């Protein structure tokens, strides 16, 4: 059964995938594959990473939306969890891209 909660997440996921496609097109002029991959991967991850919604136990929402709503529209907004999750997600993606491209570069250099 489709609830409004599931529909909202489905819309967010479709938008995140569409955003990744847009980033592929917008970054086609970048000659560094690692930088291009970082931008293409980081954008939808930051768009979709979930965080608990304050005052709504058991519900998750995209962290950037919680950050915007709590930071701009709530007098006593709780932005710390969203900032923490977004920061950790960014570092994780950056680390993963650096690791993958670093290993690939080492494999190309090593004679077999």
PDB file of N, CA and C in Angstrom:
ATOM      1  N   UNK A   1       0.841  -1.177   0.000  1.00  0.00           N
ATOM      2  CA  UNK A   1       0.000   0.000   0.000  1.00  0.00           C
ATOM      3  C   UNK A   1       0.890   1.247   0.000  1.00  0.00           C
ATOM      4  N   UNK A   2       0.612   2.142  -0.886  1.00  0.00           N
ATOM      5  CA  UNK A   2       1.402   3.366  -0.988  1.00  0.00           C
ATOM      6  C   UNK A   2       0.882   4.422  -0.028  1.00  0.00           C
ATOM      7  N   UNK A   3       1.724   4.748   0.899  1.00  0.00           N
ATOM      8  CA  UNK A   3       1.396   5.806   1.847  1.00  0.00           C
ATOM      9  C   UNK A   3       2.038   7.102   1.356  1.00  0.00           C
ATOM     10  N   UNK A   4       1.599   8.226   1.866  1.00  0.00           N
ATOM     11  CA  UNK A   4       2.246   9.489   1.482  1.00  0.00           C
ATOM     12  C   UNK A   4       3.741   9.487   1.794  1.00  0.00           C
ATOM     13  N   UNK A   5       4.130   8.809   2.864  1.00  0.00           N
ATOM     14  CA  UNK A   5       5.546   8.706   3.243  1.00  0.00           C
ATOM     15  C   UNK A   5       6.338   7.982   2.150  1.00  0.00           C
ATOM     16  N   UNK A   6       5.823   6.849   1.671  1.00  0.00           N
ATOM     17  CA  UNK A   6       6.501   6.096   0.611  1.00  0.00           C
ATOM     18  C   UNK A   6       6.499   6.857  -0.714  1.00  0.00           C
ATOM     19  N   UNK A   7       5.427   7.539  -0.995  1.00  0.00           N
ATOM     20  CA  UNK A   7       5.364   8.335  -2.227  1.00  0.00           C
ATOM     21  C   UNK A   7       6.397   9.452  -2.188  1.00  0.00           C
ATOM     22  N   UNK A   8       6.527  10.094  -1.033  1.00  0.00           N
ATOM     23  CA  UNK A   8       7.518  11.172  -0.901  1.00  0.00           C
ATOM     24  C   UNK A   8       8.926  10.645  -1.122  1.00  0.00           C
ATOM     25  N   UNK A   9       9.239   9.473  -0.559  1.00  0.00           N
ATOM     26  CA  UNK A   9      10.565   8.896  -0.774  1.00  0.00           C
ATOM     27  C   UNK A   9      10.758   8.457  -2.222  1.00  0.00           C
ATOM     28  N   UNK A  10       9.713   7.944  -2.846  1.00  0.00           N
ATOM     29  CA  UNK A  10       9.824   7.562  -4.257  1.00  0.00           C
ATOM     30  C   UNK A  10      10.116   8.781  -5.128  1.00  0.00           C
ATOM     31  N   UNK A  11       9.445   9.877  -4.846  1.00  0.00           N
ATOM     32  CA  UNK A  11       9.702  11.123  -5.586  1.00  0.00           C
ATOM     33  C   UNK A  11      11.130  11.599  -5.344  1.00  0.00           C
ATOM     34  N   UNK A  12      11.592  11.519  -4.103  1.00  0.00           N
ATOM     35  CA  UNK A  12      12.957  11.938  -3.779  1.00  0.00           C
ATOM     36  C   UNK A  12      13.987  11.068  -4.503  1.00  0.00           C
ATOM     37  N   UNK A  13      13.758   9.774  -4.564  1.00  0.00           N
ATOM     38  CA  UNK A  13      14.687   8.869  -5.240  1.00  0.00           C
ATOM     39  C   UNK A  13      14.714   9.137  -6.733  1.00  0.00           C
ATOM     40  N   UNK A  14      13.567   9.300  -7.334  1.00  0.00           N
ATOM     41  CA  UNK A  14      13.518   9.625  -8.765  1.00  0.00           C
ATOM     42  C   UNK A  14      14.226  10.953  -9.026  1.00  0.00           C
ATOM     43  N   UNK A  15      13.996  11.931  -8.172  1.00  0.00           N
ATOM     44  CA  UNK A  15      14.667  13.228  -8.329  1.00  0.00           C
ATOM     45  C   UNK A  15      16.171  13.093  -8.148  1.00  0.00           C
ATOM     46  N   UNK A  16      16.612  12.271  -7.205  1.00  0.00           N
ATOM     47  CA  UNK A  16      18.036  12.055  -6.993  1.00  0.00           C
ATOM     48  C   UNK A  16      18.704  11.397  -8.184  1.00  0.00           C
ATOM     49  N   UNK A  17      18.051  10.400  -8.765  1.00  0.00           N
ATOM     50  CA  UNK A  17      18.586   9.744  -9.965  1.00  0.00           C
ATOM     51  C   UNK A  17      18.600  10.724 -11.134  1.00  0.00           C
ATOM     52  N   UNK A  18      17.543  11.509 -11.271  1.00  0.00           N
ATOM     53  CA  UNK A  18      17.514  12.533 -12.323  1.00  0.00           C
ATOM     54  C   UNK A  18      18.602  13.567 -12.126  1.00  0.00           C
ATOM     55  N   UNK A  19      18.852  13.936 -10.890  1.00  0.00           N
ATOM     56  CA  UNK A  19      19.910  14.888 -10.580  1.00  0.00           C
ATOM     57  C   UNK A  19      21.277  14.323 -10.948  1.00  0.00           C
ATOM     58  N   UNK A  20      21.478  13.034 -10.713  1.00  0.00           N
ATOM     59  CA  UNK A  20      22.734  12.398 -11.121  1.00  0.00           C
ATOM     60  C   UNK A  20      22.896  12.469 -12.634  1.00  0.00           C
ATOM     61  N   UNK A  21      21.813  12.238 -13.372  1.00  0.00           N
ATOM     62  CA  UNK A  21      21.865  12.349 -14.826  1.00  0.00           C
ATOM     63  C   UNK A  21      22.198  13.754 -15.284  1.00  0.00           C
ATOM     64  N   UNK A  22      21.615  14.733 -14.630  1.00  0.00           N
ATOM     65  CA  UNK A  22      21.912  16.136 -14.948  1.00  0.00           C
ATOM     66  C   UNK A  22      23.387  16.432 -14.679  1.00  0.00           C
ATOM     67  N   UNK A  23      23.909  15.912 -13.578  1.00  0.00           N
ATOM     68  CA  UNK A  23      25.313  16.151 -13.248  1.00  0.00           C
ATOM     69  C   UNK A  23      26.246  15.487 -14.263  1.00  0.00           C
ATOM     70  N   UNK A  24      25.859  14.349 -14.798  1.00  0.00           N
ATOM     71  CA  UNK A  24      26.661  13.711 -15.850  1.00  0.00           C
ATOM     72  C   UNK A  24      26.773  14.645 -17.047  1.00  0.00           C
ATOM     73  N   UNK A  25      25.669  15.242 -17.428  1.00  0.00           N
ATOM     74  CA  UNK A  25      25.673  16.157 -18.570  1.00  0.00           C
ATOM     75  C   UNK A  25      26.451  17.430 -18.248  1.00  0.00           C
ATOM     76  N   UNK A  26      26.230  17.996 -17.076  1.00  0.00           N
ATOM     77  CA  UNK A  26      26.883  19.257 -16.719  1.00  0.00           C
ATOM     78  C   UNK A  26      28.387  19.114 -16.509  1.00  0.00           C
ATOM     79  N   UNK A  27      28.855  17.922 -16.186  1.00  0.00           N
ATOM     80  CA  UNK A  27      30.284  17.726 -15.923  1.00  0.00           C
ATOM     81  C   UNK A  27      31.025  17.101 -17.099  1.00  0.00           C
ATOM     82  N   UNK A  28      30.417  17.012 -18.243  1.00  0.00           N
ATOM     83  CA  UNK A  28      31.063  16.346 -19.374  1.00  0.00           C
ATOM     84  C   UNK A  28      32.326  17.065 -19.834  1.00  0.00           C
ATOM     85  N   UNK A  29      32.482  18.342 -19.533  1.00  0.00           N
ATOM     86  CA  UNK A  29      33.673  19.087 -19.932  1.00  0.00           C
ATOM     87  C   UNK A  29      34.848  18.866 -18.973  1.00  0.00           C
ATOM     88  N   UNK A  30      34.621  18.273 -17.819  1.00  0.00           N
ATOM     89  CA  UNK A  30      35.687  18.036 -16.843  1.00  0.00           C
ATOM     90  C   UNK A  30      36.529  16.858 -17.320  1.00  0.00           C
ATOM     91  N   UNK A  31      37.831  17.090 -17.446  1.00  0.00           N
ATOM     92  CA  UNK A  31      38.731  16.072 -17.994  1.00  0.00           C
ATOM     93  C   UNK A  31      39.241  15.085 -16.951  1.00  0.00           C
ATOM     94  N   UNK A  32      39.144  15.439 -15.677  1.00  0.00           N
ATOM     95  CA  UNK A  32      39.597  14.528 -14.619  1.00  0.00           C
ATOM     96  C   UNK A  32      38.468  13.556 -14.256  1.00  0.00           C
ATOM     97  N   UNK A  33      38.623  12.264 -14.586  1.00  0.00           N
ATOM     98  CA  UNK A  33      37.549  11.301 -14.282  1.00  0.00           C
ATOM     99  C   UNK A  33      37.228  11.216 -12.790  1.00  0.00           C
ATOM    100  N   UNK A  34      38.247  11.358 -11.949  1.00  0.00           N
ATOM    101  CA  UNK A  34      37.981  11.250 -10.508  1.00  0.00           C
ATOM    102  C   UNK A  34      37.132  12.416 -10.008  1.00  0.00           C
ATOM    103  N   UNK A  35      37.400  13.609 -10.466  1.00  0.00           N
ATOM    104  CA  UNK A  35      36.611  14.775 -10.053  1.00  0.00           C
ATOM    105  C   UNK A  35      35.192  14.676 -10.595  1.00  0.00           C
ATOM    106  N   UNK A  36      35.075  14.240 -11.817  1.00  0.00           N
ATOM    107  CA  UNK A  36      33.749  14.089 -12.423  1.00  0.00           C
ATOM    108  C   UNK A  36      32.935  13.046 -11.655  1.00  0.00           C
ATOM    109  N   UNK A  37      33.570  11.911 -11.349  1.00  0.00           N
ATOM    110  CA  UNK A  37      32.871  10.869 -10.587  1.00  0.00           C
ATOM    111  C   UNK A  37      32.474  11.384  -9.212  1.00  0.00           C
ATOM    112  N   UNK A  38      33.357  12.134  -8.577  1.00  0.00           N
ATOM    113  CA  UNK A  38      33.048  12.677  -7.260  1.00  0.00           C
ATOM    114  C   UNK A  38      31.815  13.571  -7.306  1.00  0.00           C
ATOM    115  N   UNK A  39      31.757  14.444  -8.286  1.00  0.00           N
ATOM    116  CA  UNK A  39      30.615  15.359  -8.400  1.00  0.00           C
ATOM    117  C   UNK A  39      29.334  14.596  -8.711  1.00  0.00           C
ATOM    118  N   UNK A  40      29.419  13.653  -9.645  1.00  0.00           N
ATOM    119  CA  UNK A  40      28.228  12.904 -10.061  1.00  0.00           C
ATOM    120  C   UNK A  40      27.698  12.041  -8.926  1.00  0.00           C
ATOM    121  N   UNK A  41      28.580  11.450  -8.137  1.00  0.00           N
ATOM    122  CA  UNK A  41      28.149  10.572  -7.041  1.00  0.00           C
ATOM    123  C   UNK A  41      27.726  11.382  -5.817  1.00  0.00           C
ATOM    124  N   UNK A  42      28.482  12.418  -5.502  1.00  0.00           N
ATOM    125  CA  UNK A  42      28.224  13.190  -4.288  1.00  0.00           C
ATOM    126  C   UNK A  42      26.875  13.914  -4.332  1.00  0.00           C
ATOM    127  N   UNK A  43      26.500  14.400  -5.488  1.00  0.00           N
ATOM    128  CA  UNK A  43      25.260  15.176  -5.592  1.00  0.00           C
ATOM    129  C   UNK A  43      24.023  14.376  -5.167  1.00  0.00           C
ATOM    130  N   UNK A  44      23.747  13.214  -5.764  1.00  0.00           N
ATOM    131  CA  UNK A  44      22.542  12.499  -5.322  1.00  0.00           C
ATOM    132  C   UNK A  44      22.671  11.914  -3.917  1.00  0.00           C
ATOM    133  N   UNK A  45      23.898  11.570  -3.499  1.00  0.00           N
ATOM    134  CA  UNK A  45      24.056  11.059  -2.132  1.00  0.00           C
ATOM    135  C   UNK A  45      23.651  12.130  -1.128  1.00  0.00           C
ATOM    136  N   UNK A  46      24.145  13.346  -1.326  1.00  0.00           N
ATOM    137  CA  UNK A  46      23.774  14.429  -0.404  1.00  0.00           C
ATOM    138  C   UNK A  46      22.297  14.785  -0.524  1.00  0.00           C
ATOM    139  N   UNK A  47      21.722  14.539  -1.677  1.00  0.00           N
ATOM    140  CA  UNK A  47      20.306  14.816  -1.891  1.00  0.00           C
ATOM    141  C   UNK A  47      19.423  13.781  -1.188  1.00  0.00           C
ATOM    142  N   UNK A  48      19.925  12.547  -1.034  1.00  0.00           N
ATOM    143  CA  UNK A  48      19.073  11.455  -0.556  1.00  0.00           C
ATOM    144  C   UNK A  48      19.415  10.892   0.814  1.00  0.00           C
ATOM    145  N   UNK A  49      20.559  11.220   1.384  1.00  0.00           N
ATOM    146  CA  UNK A  49      20.937  10.617   2.654  1.00  0.00           C
ATOM    147  C   UNK A  49      19.875  10.929   3.710  1.00  0.00           C
ATOM    148  N   UNK A  50      19.373   9.889   4.380  1.00  0.00           N
ATOM    149  CA  UNK A  50      18.266  10.112   5.324  1.00  0.00           C
ATOM    150  C   UNK A  50      18.743  10.485   6.723  1.00  0.00           C
ATOM    151  N   UNK A  51      17.867  11.158   7.431  1.00  0.00           N
ATOM    152  CA  UNK A  51      18.101  11.526   8.825  1.00  0.00           C
ATOM    153  C   UNK A  51      16.737  11.499   9.528  1.00  0.00           C
ATOM    154  N   UNK A  52      16.712  11.147  10.821  1.00  0.00           N
ATOM    155  CA  UNK A  52      15.425  11.180  11.547  1.00  0.00           C
ATOM    156  C   UNK A  52      14.846  12.591  11.584  1.00  0.00           C
ATOM    157  N   UNK A  53      13.543  12.658  11.458  1.00  0.00           N
ATOM    158  CA  UNK A  53      12.852  13.944  11.494  1.00  0.00           C
ATOM    159  C   UNK A  53      12.551  14.291  12.953  1.00  0.00           C
ATOM    160  N   UNK A  54      13.017  15.462  13.419  1.00  0.00           N
ATOM    161  CA  UNK A  54      12.723  15.848  14.804  1.00  0.00           C
ATOM    162  C   UNK A  54      11.212  15.906  15.050  1.00  0.00           C
ATOM    163  N   UNK A  55      10.797  15.401  16.194  1.00  0.00           N
ATOM    164  CA  UNK A  55       9.409  15.382  16.653  1.00  0.00           C
ATOM    165  C   UNK A  55       8.519  14.390  15.904  1.00  0.00           C
ATOM    166  N   UNK A  56       9.078  13.590  14.993  1.00  0.00           N
ATOM    167  CA  UNK A  56       8.312  12.568  14.272  1.00  0.00           C
ATOM    168  C   UNK A  56       9.053  11.244  14.387  1.00  0.00           C
ATOM    169  N   UNK A  57       8.918  10.608  15.532  1.00  0.00           N
ATOM    170  CA  UNK A  57       9.611   9.357  15.824  1.00  0.00           C
ATOM    171  C   UNK A  57       9.392   8.327  14.717  1.00  0.00           C
ATOM    172  N   UNK A  58      10.468   7.706  14.285  1.00  0.00           N
ATOM    173  CA  UNK A  58      10.378   6.627  13.312  1.00  0.00           C
ATOM    174  C   UNK A  58      10.309   7.079  11.868  1.00  0.00           C
ATOM    175  N   UNK A  59      10.255   8.369  11.612  1.00  0.00           N
ATOM    176  CA  UNK A  59      10.213   8.861  10.238  1.00  0.00           C
ATOM    177  C   UNK A  59      11.575   9.419   9.841  1.00  0.00           C
ATOM    178  N   UNK A  60      11.938   9.156   8.598  1.00  0.00           N
ATOM    179  CA  UNK A  60      13.173   9.677   8.031  1.00  0.00           C
ATOM    180  C   UNK A  60      12.835  10.620   6.894  1.00  0.00           C
ATOM    181  N   UNK A  61      13.736  11.549   6.637  1.00  0.00           N
ATOM    182  CA  UNK A  61      13.585  12.476   5.516  1.00  0.00           C
ATOM    183  C   UNK A  61      14.989  12.778   4.991  1.00  0.00           C
ATOM    184  N   UNK A  62      15.094  13.241   3.745  1.00  0.00           N
ATOM    185  CA  UNK A  62      16.413  13.629   3.242  1.00  0.00           C
ATOM    186  C   UNK A  62      17.023  14.695   4.155  1.00  0.00           C
ATOM    187  N   UNK A  63      18.293  14.508   4.484  1.00  0.00           N
ATOM    188  CA  UNK A  63      18.956  15.377   5.456  1.00  0.00           C
ATOM    189  C   UNK A  63      18.976  16.833   5.006  1.00  0.00           C
ATOM    190  N   UNK A  64      19.146  17.074   3.708  1.00  0.00           N
ATOM    191  CA  UNK A  64      19.187  18.469   3.267  1.00  0.00           C
ATOM    192  C   UNK A  64      17.840  19.153   3.490  1.00  0.00           C
ATOM    193  N   UNK A  65      16.737  18.397   3.366  1.00  0.00           N
ATOM    194  CA  UNK A  65      15.412  18.980   3.609  1.00  0.00           C
ATOM    195  C   UNK A  65      15.208  19.262   5.097  1.00  0.00           C
ATOM    196  N   UNK A  66      15.636  18.334   5.941  1.00  0.00           N
ATOM    197  CA  UNK A  66      15.534  18.549   7.386  1.00  0.00           C
ATOM    198  C   UNK A  66      16.378  19.761   7.770  1.00  0.00           C
ATOM    199  N   UNK A  67      17.562  19.877   7.191  1.00  0.00           N
ATOM    200  CA  UNK A  67      18.429  21.021   7.468  1.00  0.00           C
ATOM    201  C   UNK A  67      17.749  22.329   7.072  1.00  0.00           C
ATOM    202  N   UNK A  68      17.156  22.364   5.882  1.00  0.00           N
ATOM    203  CA  UNK A  68      16.476  23.578   5.430  1.00  0.00           C
ATOM    204  C   UNK A  68      15.276  23.925   6.299  1.00  0.00           C
ATOM    205  N   UNK A  69      14.418  22.951   6.546  1.00  0.00           N
ATOM    206  CA  UNK A  69      13.194  23.207   7.310  1.00  0.00           C
ATOM    207  C   UNK A  69      13.529  23.583   8.746  1.00  0.00           C
ATOM    208  N   UNK A  70      14.399  22.802   9.374  1.00  0.00           N
ATOM    209  CA  UNK A  70      14.743  23.077  10.776  1.00  0.00           C
ATOM    210  C   UNK A  70      15.534  24.378  10.918  1.00  0.00           C
ATOM    211  N   UNK A  71      16.383  24.668   9.950  1.00  0.00           N
ATOM    212  CA  UNK A  71      17.208  25.865  10.043  1.00  0.00           C
ATOM    213  C   UNK A  71      16.486  27.142   9.678  1.00  0.00           C
ATOM    214  N   UNK A  72      15.573  27.068   8.724  1.00  0.00           N
ATOM    215  CA  UNK A  72      14.909  28.279   8.242  1.00  0.00           C
ATOM    216  C   UNK A  72      13.525  28.523   8.831  1.00  0.00           C
ATOM    217  N   UNK A  73      12.788  27.456   9.112  1.00  0.00           N
ATOM    218  CA  UNK A  73      11.381  27.631   9.469  1.00  0.00           C
ATOM    219  C   UNK A  73      11.023  27.278  10.904  1.00  0.00           C
ATOM    220  N   UNK A  74      11.944  26.704  11.655  1.00  0.00           N
ATOM    221  CA  UNK A  74      11.672  26.343  13.038  1.00  0.00           C
ATOM    222  C   UNK A  74      12.430  27.293  13.960  1.00  0.00           C
ATOM    223  N   UNK A  75      11.732  27.859  14.928  1.00  0.00           N
ATOM    224  CA  UNK A  75      12.376  28.804  15.853  1.00  0.00           C
ATOM    225  C   UNK A  75      13.487  28.119  16.645  1.00  0.00           C
ATOM    226  N   UNK A  76      13.252  26.936  17.113  1.00  0.00           N
ATOM    227  CA  UNK A  76      14.247  26.167  17.873  1.00  0.00           C
ATOM    228  C   UNK A  76      14.633  24.930  17.073  1.00  0.00           C
ATOM    229  N   UNK A  77      14.974  25.118  15.807  1.00  0.00           N
ATOM    230  CA  UNK A  77      15.283  24.000  14.921  1.00  0.00           C
ATOM    231  C   UNK A  77      16.489  23.206  15.364  1.00  0.00           C
ATOM    232  N   UNK A  78      16.432  21.912  15.128  1.00  0.00           N
ATOM    233  CA  UNK A  78      17.517  20.999  15.469  1.00  0.00           C
ATOM    234  C   UNK A  78      18.247  20.609  14.188  1.00  0.00           C
ATOM    235  N   UNK A  79      19.258  21.386  13.809  1.00  0.00           N
ATOM    236  CA  UNK A  79      19.962  21.114  12.557  1.00  0.00           C
ATOM    237  C   UNK A  79      21.181  20.217  12.740  1.00  0.00           C
ATOM    238  N   UNK A  80      21.628  20.012  13.976  1.00  0.00           N
ATOM    239  CA  UNK A  80      22.862  19.276  14.216  1.00  0.00           C
ATOM    240  C   UNK A  80      22.860  17.866  13.632  1.00  0.00           C
ATOM    241  N   UNK A  81      21.800  17.061  13.807  1.00  0.00           N
ATOM    242  CA  UNK A  81      21.834  15.715  13.224  1.00  0.00           C
ATOM    243  C   UNK A  81      21.953  15.740  11.696  1.00  0.00           C
ATOM    244  N   UNK A  82      21.253  16.657  11.059  1.00  0.00           N
ATOM    245  CA  UNK A  82      21.307  16.734   9.600  1.00  0.00           C
ATOM    246  C   UNK A  82      22.691  17.167   9.131  1.00  0.00           C
ATOM    247  N   UNK A  83      23.281  18.135   9.805  1.00  0.00           N
ATOM    248  CA  UNK A  83      24.630  18.597   9.443  1.00  0.00           C
ATOM    249  C   UNK A  83      25.626  17.465   9.638  1.00  0.00           C
ATOM    250  N   UNK A  84      25.502  16.744  10.736  1.00  0.00           N
ATOM    251  CA  UNK A  84      26.404  15.632  11.031  1.00  0.00           C
ATOM    252  C   UNK A  84      26.295  14.543   9.953  1.00  0.00           C
ATOM    253  N   UNK A  85      25.090  14.169   9.596  1.00  0.00           N
ATOM    254  CA  UNK A  85      24.886  13.113   8.600  1.00  0.00           C
ATOM    255  C   UNK A  85      25.388  13.561   7.226  1.00  0.00           C
ATOM    256  N   UNK A  86      25.098  14.791   6.843  1.00  0.00           N
ATOM    257  CA  UNK A  86      25.574  15.297   5.553  1.00  0.00           C
ATOM    258  C   UNK A  86      27.101  15.350   5.506  1.00  0.00           C
ATOM    259  N   UNK A  87      27.721  15.762   6.583  1.00  0.00           N
ATOM    260  CA  UNK A  87      29.181  15.817   6.635  1.00  0.00           C
ATOM    261  C   UNK A  87      29.785  14.427   6.538  1.00  0.00           C
ATOM    262  N   UNK A  88      29.248  13.492   7.300  1.00  0.00           N
ATOM    263  CA  UNK A  88      29.754  12.119   7.254  1.00  0.00           C
ATOM    264  C   UNK A  88      29.553  11.499   5.873  1.00  0.00           C
ATOM    265  N   UNK A  89      28.408  11.742   5.262  1.00  0.00           N
ATOM    266  CA  UNK A  89      28.149  11.205   3.924  1.00  0.00           C
ATOM    267  C   UNK A  89      29.119  11.793   2.910  1.00  0.00           C
ATOM    268  N   UNK A  90      29.379  13.085   3.007  1.00  0.00           N
ATOM    269  CA  UNK A  90      30.320  13.724   2.081  1.00  0.00           C
ATOM    270  C   UNK A  90      31.713  13.133   2.243  1.00  0.00           C
ATOM    271  N   UNK A  91      32.184  12.997   3.482  1.00  0.00           N
ATOM    272  CA  UNK A  91      33.510  12.416   3.697  1.00  0.00           C
ATOM    273  C   UNK A  91      33.569  10.963   3.241  1.00  0.00           C
ATOM    274  N   UNK A  92      32.500  10.219   3.449  1.00  0.00           N
ATOM    275  CA  UNK A  92      32.476   8.819   3.012  1.00  0.00           C
ATOM    276  C   UNK A  92      32.575   8.724   1.494  1.00  0.00           C
ATOM    277  N   UNK A  93      31.822   9.539   0.780  1.00  0.00           N
ATOM    278  CA  UNK A  93      31.866   9.512  -0.683  1.00  0.00           C
ATOM    279  C   UNK A  93      33.233   9.965  -1.178  1.00  0.00           C
ATOM    280  N   UNK A  94      33.763  11.023  -0.611  1.00  0.00           N
ATOM    281  CA  UNK A  94      35.088  11.502  -1.016  1.00  0.00           C
ATOM    282  C   UNK A  94      36.131  10.412  -0.775  1.00  0.00           C
ATOM    283  N   UNK A  95      36.090   9.786   0.395  1.00  0.00           N
ATOM    284  CA  UNK A  95      37.031   8.711   0.700  1.00  0.00           C
ATOM    285  C   UNK A  95      36.897   7.539  -0.243  1.00  0.00           C
ATOM    286  N   UNK A  96      35.671   7.167  -0.558  1.00  0.00           N
ATOM    287  CA  UNK A  96      35.438   6.048  -1.464  1.00  0.00           C
ATOM    288  C   UNK A  96      35.954   6.355  -2.872  1.00  0.00           C
ATOM    289  N   UNK A  97      35.688   7.539  -3.364  1.00  0.00           N
ATOM    290  CA  UNK A  97      36.159   7.914  -4.706  1.00  0.00           C
ATOM    291  C   UNK A  97      37.688   7.970  -4.739  1.00  0.00           C
ATOM    292  N   UNK A  98      38.289   8.561  -3.716  1.00  0.00           N
ATOM    293  CA  UNK A  98      39.755   8.611  -3.658  1.00  0.00           C
ATOM    294  C   UNK A  98      40.329   7.200  -3.599  1.00  0.00           C
ATOM    295  N   UNK A  99      39.738   6.323  -2.810  1.00  0.00           N
ATOM    296  CA  UNK A  99      40.201   4.948  -2.705  1.00  0.00           C
ATOM    297  C   UNK A  99      40.084   4.204  -4.032  1.00  0.00           C
ATOM    298  N   UNK A 100      38.941   4.279  -4.664  1.00  0.00           N
ATOM    299  CA  UNK A 100      38.728   3.559  -5.925  1.00  0.00           C
ATOM    300  C   UNK A 100      39.678   4.063  -7.011  1.00  0.00           C
ATOM    301  N   UNK A 101      39.783   5.375  -7.165  1.00  0.00           N
ATOM    302  CA  UNK A 101      40.657   5.902  -8.208  1.00  0.00           C
ATOM    303  C   UNK A 101      42.129   5.723  -7.847  1.00  0.00           C
ATOM    304  N   UNK A 102      42.470   5.758  -6.568  1.00  0.00           N
ATOM    305  CA  UNK A 102      43.844   5.498  -6.150  1.00  0.00           C
ATOM    306  C   UNK A 102      44.259   4.061  -6.430  1.00  0.00           C
ATOM    307  N   UNK A 103      43.391   3.106  -6.097  1.00  0.00           N
ATOM    308  CA  UNK A 103      43.679   1.697  -6.372  1.00  0.00           C
ATOM    309  C   UNK A 103      43.767   1.461  -7.879  1.00  0.00           C
ATOM    310  N   UNK A 104      42.873   2.074  -8.634  1.00  0.00           N
ATOM    311  CA  UNK A 104      42.916   1.918 -10.092  1.00  0.00           C
ATOM    312  C   UNK A 104      44.215   2.452 -10.663  1.00  0.00           C
ATOM    313  N   UNK A 105      44.678   3.582 -10.134  1.00  0.00           N
ATOM    314  CA  UNK A 105      45.925   4.175 -10.611  1.00  0.00           C
ATOM    315  C   UNK A 105      47.116   3.276 -10.258  1.00  0.00           C
ATOM    316  N   UNK A 106      47.117   2.721  -9.060  1.00  0.00           N
ATOM    317  CA  UNK A 106      48.185   1.801  -8.654  1.00  0.00           C
ATOM    318  C   UNK A 106      48.188   0.541  -9.513  1.00  0.00           C
ATOM    319  N   UNK A 107      47.035   0.028  -9.826  1.00  0.00           N
ATOM    320  CA  UNK A 107      46.936  -1.189 -10.660  1.00  0.00           C
ATOM    321  C   UNK A 107      47.467  -0.936 -12.072  1.00  0.00           C
ATOM    322  N   UNK A 108      47.229   0.277 -12.587  1.00  0.00           N
ATOM    323  CA  UNK A 108      47.736   0.600 -13.936  1.00  0.00           C
ATOM    324  C   UNK A 108      49.255   0.707 -13.941  1.00  0.00           C
ATOM    325  N   UNK A 109      49.832   1.175 -12.853  1.00  0.00           N
ATOM    326  CA  UNK A 109      51.295   1.351 -12.761  1.00  0.00           C
ATOM    327  C   UNK A 109      52.042   0.051 -12.509  1.00  0.00           C
ATOM    328  N   UNK A 110      51.424  -0.877 -11.817  1.00  0.00           N
ATOM    329  CA  UNK A 110      52.089  -2.103 -11.421  1.00  0.00           C
ATOM    330  C   UNK A 110      52.202  -3.046 -12.604  1.00  0.00           C
ATOM    331  N   UNK A 111      53.456  -3.489 -12.947  1.00  0.00           N
ATOM    332  CA  UNK A 111      53.586  -4.469 -14.033  1.00  0.00           C
ATOM    333  C   UNK A 111      53.059  -5.828 -13.596  1.00  0.00           C
ATOM    334  N   UNK A 112      52.456  -6.529 -14.506  1.00  0.00           N
ATOM    335  CA  UNK A 112      51.844  -7.813 -14.157  1.00  0.00           C
ATOM    336  C   UNK A 112      52.652  -8.962 -14.615  1.00  0.00           C
TER     337      UNK A 112
END
